[in-house]
Amino acid sequence: MRTEPGLHGSPPNLTSREQGESLRLLEESQAMLRAILLGLGLQYHSLDLERCRLLDPEAPQAGPEPQSYQMAASLITLGALIGFYRQAQAIAQQTAQAGQCADWTDVKLDGLSIGISLLRLFRLMGAGQDFGPLAQQELLDEPTI
């Protein structure tokens, strides 16, 4: 069987410890991606609920509000983003400790993603509270992301 260079090319010479660590990182990444997919599924379901409510406002409303699904999706996604941030940070620190020039770009980008996710979560949490008629109108006038 011939191996092509690239992603599935011949593996580098790794010790069993390094190989175990690499496999652990890959498994963690897959778990975090599954969490993000779960969050997307919950978001999709909340949109489905909104569509049903728009099409038939008189139908009985069973189950949680769409906003509850959106908040759960945001929390799940935030947890996965924090996991990716920790991975990127650990890899950059290991690279720096090995005396090589570490690339902190992924760490910074992951941090920005976490900040955006937190802002979205706080907006969802605030949208469900009663702040009076003026504040409610401001929330309605504010563009959504």
C-alpha atoms as a PDB file:
ATOM      1  CA  MET A   1       0.000   0.000   0.000  1.00  0.00           C
ATOM      2  CA  ARG A   2       1.436   3.319  -1.096  1.00  0.00           C
ATOM      3  CA  THR A   3       1.203   6.306   1.265  1.00  0.00           C
ATOM      4  CA  GLU A   4       0.768   9.815  -0.051  1.00  0.00           C
ATOM      5  CA  PRO A   5       2.528  12.727   1.620  1.00  0.00           C
ATOM      6  CA  GLY A   6       0.337  15.052   3.625  1.00  0.00           C
ATOM      7  CA  LEU A   7      -2.294  14.372   6.211  1.00  0.00           C
ATOM      8  CA  HIS A   8      -2.159  10.588   5.889  1.00  0.00           C
ATOM      9  CA  GLY A   9       1.517  10.336   5.020  1.00  0.00           C
ATOM     10  CA  SER A  10       4.044   8.384   7.016  1.00  0.00           C
ATOM     11  CA  PRO A  11       3.786   9.233  10.713  1.00  0.00           C
ATOM     12  CA  PRO A  12       6.681  11.002  12.399  1.00  0.00           C
ATOM     13  CA  ASN A  13       8.879   8.975  14.697  1.00  0.00           C
ATOM     14  CA  LEU A  14       7.119   9.376  18.016  1.00  0.00           C
ATOM     15  CA  THR A  15       7.745   7.667  21.298  1.00  0.00           C
ATOM     16  CA  SER A  16       4.818   5.763  22.720  1.00  0.00           C
ATOM     17  CA  ARG A  17       4.335   8.561  25.292  1.00  0.00           C
ATOM     18  CA  GLU A  18       4.221  11.236  22.574  1.00  0.00           C
ATOM     19  CA  GLN A  19       1.889   9.116  20.496  1.00  0.00           C
ATOM     20  CA  GLY A  20      -0.400   8.606  23.500  1.00  0.00           C
ATOM     21  CA  GLU A  21      -0.431  12.342  24.174  1.00  0.00           C
ATOM     22  CA  SER A  22      -1.231  13.094  20.524  1.00  0.00           C
ATOM     23  CA  LEU A  23      -4.075  10.582  20.543  1.00  0.00           C
ATOM     24  CA  ARG A  24      -5.437  12.078  23.757  1.00  0.00           C
ATOM     25  CA  LEU A  25      -5.438  15.563  22.206  1.00  0.00           C
ATOM     26  CA  LEU A  26      -7.231  14.268  19.114  1.00  0.00           C
ATOM     27  CA  GLU A  27      -9.868  12.499  21.210  1.00  0.00           C
ATOM     28  CA  GLU A  28     -10.421  15.636  23.304  1.00  0.00           C
ATOM     29  CA  SER A  29     -10.781  17.696  20.123  1.00  0.00           C
ATOM     30  CA  GLN A  30     -13.332  15.260  18.739  1.00  0.00           C
ATOM     31  CA  ALA A  31     -15.308  15.400  21.990  1.00  0.00           C
ATOM     32  CA  MET A  32     -15.327  19.212  21.903  1.00  0.00           C
ATOM     33  CA  LEU A  33     -16.441  19.195  18.270  1.00  0.00           C
ATOM     34  CA  ARG A  34     -19.278  16.806  19.204  1.00  0.00           C
ATOM     35  CA  ALA A  35     -20.300  19.277  21.923  1.00  0.00           C
ATOM     36  CA  ILE A  36     -20.359  22.097  19.366  1.00  0.00           C
ATOM     37  CA  LEU A  37     -22.487  19.939  17.058  1.00  0.00           C
ATOM     38  CA  LEU A  38     -24.872  19.295  19.954  1.00  0.00           C
ATOM     39  CA  GLY A  39     -25.072  23.061  20.504  1.00  0.00           C
ATOM     40  CA  LEU A  40     -25.838  23.569  16.816  1.00  0.00           C
ATOM     41  CA  GLY A  41     -28.567  20.944  17.058  1.00  0.00           C
ATOM     42  CA  LEU A  42     -30.143  22.767  19.993  1.00  0.00           C
ATOM     43  CA  GLN A  43     -29.954  26.072  18.111  1.00  0.00           C
ATOM     44  CA  TYR A  44     -31.592  24.435  15.102  1.00  0.00           C
ATOM     45  CA  HIS A  45     -34.348  23.049  17.337  1.00  0.00           C
ATOM     46  CA  SER A  46     -35.001  26.487  18.837  1.00  0.00           C
ATOM     47  CA  LEU A  47     -35.439  27.896  15.324  1.00  0.00           C
ATOM     48  CA  ASP A  48     -37.827  25.057  14.545  1.00  0.00           C
ATOM     49  CA  LEU A  49     -39.892  25.941  17.624  1.00  0.00           C
ATOM     50  CA  GLU A  50     -39.957  29.603  16.590  1.00  0.00           C
ATOM     51  CA  ARG A  51     -41.168  28.625  13.114  1.00  0.00           C
ATOM     52  CA  CYS A  52     -43.962  26.476  14.558  1.00  0.00           C
ATOM     53  CA  ARG A  53     -45.065  29.304  16.843  1.00  0.00           C
ATOM     54  CA  LEU A  54     -45.105  31.784  13.980  1.00  0.00           C
ATOM     55  CA  LEU A  55     -47.099  29.480  11.730  1.00  0.00           C
ATOM     56  CA  ASP A  56     -49.649  28.513  14.398  1.00  0.00           C
ATOM     57  CA  PRO A  57     -49.712  30.929  17.357  1.00  0.00           C
ATOM     58  CA  GLU A  58     -52.898  29.304  18.701  1.00  0.00           C
ATOM     59  CA  ALA A  59     -51.329  25.835  19.053  1.00  0.00           C
ATOM     60  CA  PRO A  60     -50.627  24.664  22.600  1.00  0.00           C
ATOM     61  CA  GLN A  61     -47.040  25.376  23.593  1.00  0.00           C
ATOM     62  CA  ALA A  62     -45.482  22.320  25.218  1.00  0.00           C
ATOM     63  CA  GLY A  63     -41.918  22.140  26.445  1.00  0.00           C
ATOM     64  CA  PRO A  64     -39.320  24.775  27.180  1.00  0.00           C
ATOM     65  CA  GLU A  65     -39.174  28.129  25.447  1.00  0.00           C
ATOM     66  CA  PRO A  66     -36.833  28.485  22.442  1.00  0.00           C
ATOM     67  CA  GLN A  67     -34.673  30.841  24.500  1.00  0.00           C
ATOM     68  CA  SER A  68     -33.958  27.990  26.931  1.00  0.00           C
ATOM     69  CA  TYR A  69     -32.600  25.896  24.072  1.00  0.00           C
ATOM     70  CA  GLN A  70     -30.524  28.852  22.865  1.00  0.00           C
ATOM     71  CA  MET A  71     -29.029  29.381  26.311  1.00  0.00           C
ATOM     72  CA  ALA A  72     -28.220  25.674  26.666  1.00  0.00           C
ATOM     73  CA  ALA A  73     -26.603  25.712  23.227  1.00  0.00           C
ATOM     74  CA  SER A  74     -24.535  28.756  24.179  1.00  0.00           C
ATOM     75  CA  LEU A  75     -23.347  27.140  27.409  1.00  0.00           C
ATOM     76  CA  ILE A  76     -22.394  23.901  25.649  1.00  0.00           C
ATOM     77  CA  THR A  77     -20.542  25.782  22.914  1.00  0.00           C
ATOM     78  CA  LEU A  78     -18.800  27.972  25.483  1.00  0.00           C
ATOM     79  CA  GLY A  79     -17.560  24.880  27.307  1.00  0.00           C
ATOM     80  CA  ALA A  80     -16.117  23.472  24.082  1.00  0.00           C
ATOM     81  CA  LEU A  81     -14.459  26.794  23.216  1.00  0.00           C
ATOM     82  CA  ILE A  82     -12.837  26.914  26.643  1.00  0.00           C
ATOM     83  CA  GLY A  83     -11.538  23.387  26.033  1.00  0.00           C
ATOM     84  CA  PHE A  84     -10.006  24.409  22.715  1.00  0.00           C
ATOM     85  CA  TYR A  85      -8.490  27.489  24.381  1.00  0.00           C
ATOM     86  CA  ARG A  86      -6.844  25.344  27.054  1.00  0.00           C
ATOM     87  CA  GLN A  87      -5.494  22.952  24.423  1.00  0.00           C
ATOM     88  CA  ALA A  88      -4.017  25.773  22.338  1.00  0.00           C
ATOM     89  CA  GLN A  89      -2.519  27.380  25.433  1.00  0.00           C
ATOM     90  CA  ALA A  90      -0.922  24.105  26.599  1.00  0.00           C
ATOM     91  CA  ILE A  91       0.554  23.432  23.157  1.00  0.00           C
ATOM     92  CA  ALA A  92       1.979  26.958  22.921  1.00  0.00           C
ATOM     93  CA  GLN A  93       3.479  26.670  26.424  1.00  0.00           C
ATOM     94  CA  GLN A  94       5.030  23.289  25.620  1.00  0.00           C
ATOM     95  CA  THR A  95       6.518  24.725  22.440  1.00  0.00           C
ATOM     96  CA  ALA A  96       7.959  27.709  24.330  1.00  0.00           C
ATOM     97  CA  GLN A  97       9.364  25.454  27.067  1.00  0.00           C
ATOM     98  CA  ALA A  98      11.068  23.351  24.404  1.00  0.00           C
ATOM     99  CA  GLY A  99      12.967  26.471  23.358  1.00  0.00           C
ATOM    100  CA  GLN A 100      11.073  26.991  20.123  1.00  0.00           C
ATOM    101  CA  CYS A 101       9.136  30.067  19.033  1.00  0.00           C
ATOM    102  CA  ALA A 102       5.537  29.494  20.100  1.00  0.00           C
ATOM    103  CA  ASP A 103       2.662  30.745  17.938  1.00  0.00           C
ATOM    104  CA  TRP A 104       0.105  32.332  20.248  1.00  0.00           C
ATOM    105  CA  THR A 105      -2.314  33.233  17.443  1.00  0.00           C
ATOM    106  CA  ASP A 106      -4.669  30.311  18.139  1.00  0.00           C
ATOM    107  CA  VAL A 107      -4.713  31.146  21.839  1.00  0.00           C
ATOM    108  CA  LYS A 108      -5.656  34.762  21.106  1.00  0.00           C
ATOM    109  CA  LEU A 109      -8.304  33.782  18.555  1.00  0.00           C
ATOM    110  CA  ASP A 110      -9.785  31.218  20.926  1.00  0.00           C
ATOM    111  CA  GLY A 111      -9.906  33.888  23.636  1.00  0.00           C
ATOM    112  CA  LEU A 112     -11.806  36.210  21.289  1.00  0.00           C
ATOM    113  CA  SER A 113     -14.248  33.409  20.460  1.00  0.00           C
ATOM    114  CA  ILE A 114     -14.871  32.857  24.166  1.00  0.00           C
ATOM    115  CA  GLY A 115     -15.502  36.578  24.649  1.00  0.00           C
ATOM    116  CA  ILE A 116     -18.018  36.640  21.811  1.00  0.00           C
ATOM    117  CA  SER A 117     -19.728  33.535  23.166  1.00  0.00           C
ATOM    118  CA  LEU A 118     -19.975  35.122  26.624  1.00  0.00           C
ATOM    119  CA  LEU A 119     -21.466  38.300  25.168  1.00  0.00           C
ATOM    120  CA  ARG A 120     -24.095  36.251  23.362  1.00  0.00           C
ATOM    121  CA  LEU A 121     -24.910  34.296  26.513  1.00  0.00           C
ATOM    122  CA  PHE A 122     -25.272  37.490  28.566  1.00  0.00           C
ATOM    123  CA  ARG A 123     -27.554  38.973  25.917  1.00  0.00           C
ATOM    124  CA  LEU A 124     -29.722  35.848  26.008  1.00  0.00           C
ATOM    125  CA  MET A 125     -29.846  35.968  29.796  1.00  0.00           C
ATOM    126  CA  GLY A 126     -30.771  39.654  29.780  1.00  0.00           C
ATOM    127  CA  ALA A 127     -33.422  39.267  27.092  1.00  0.00           C
ATOM    128  CA  GLY A 128     -35.542  37.102  29.375  1.00  0.00           C
ATOM    129  CA  GLN A 129     -35.654  39.602  32.231  1.00  0.00           C
ATOM    130  CA  ASP A 130     -38.192  42.374  32.716  1.00  0.00           C
ATOM    131  CA  PHE A 131     -36.423  45.743  32.644  1.00  0.00           C
ATOM    132  CA  GLY A 132     -39.525  47.876  32.105  1.00  0.00           C
ATOM    133  CA  PRO A 133     -41.136  49.175  28.899  1.00  0.00           C
ATOM    134  CA  LEU A 134     -38.304  51.486  27.813  1.00  0.00           C
ATOM    135  CA  ALA A 135     -35.571  48.852  28.193  1.00  0.00           C
ATOM    136  CA  GLN A 136     -37.752  46.273  26.428  1.00  0.00           C
ATOM    137  CA  GLN A 137     -38.168  48.618  23.481  1.00  0.00           C
ATOM    138  CA  GLU A 138     -34.389  49.128  23.361  1.00  0.00           C
ATOM    139  CA  LEU A 139     -33.890  45.347  23.282  1.00  0.00           C
ATOM    140  CA  LEU A 140     -36.376  45.046  20.437  1.00  0.00           C
ATOM    141  CA  ASP A 141     -34.726  47.868  18.465  1.00  0.00           C
ATOM    142  CA  GLU A 142     -31.224  46.435  18.909  1.00  0.00           C
ATOM    143  CA  PRO A 143     -30.014  44.356  15.944  1.00  0.00           C
ATOM    144  CA  THR A 144     -29.433  40.663  16.619  1.00  0.00           C
ATOM    145  CA  ILE A 145     -26.272  38.836  15.729  1.00  0.00           C
END
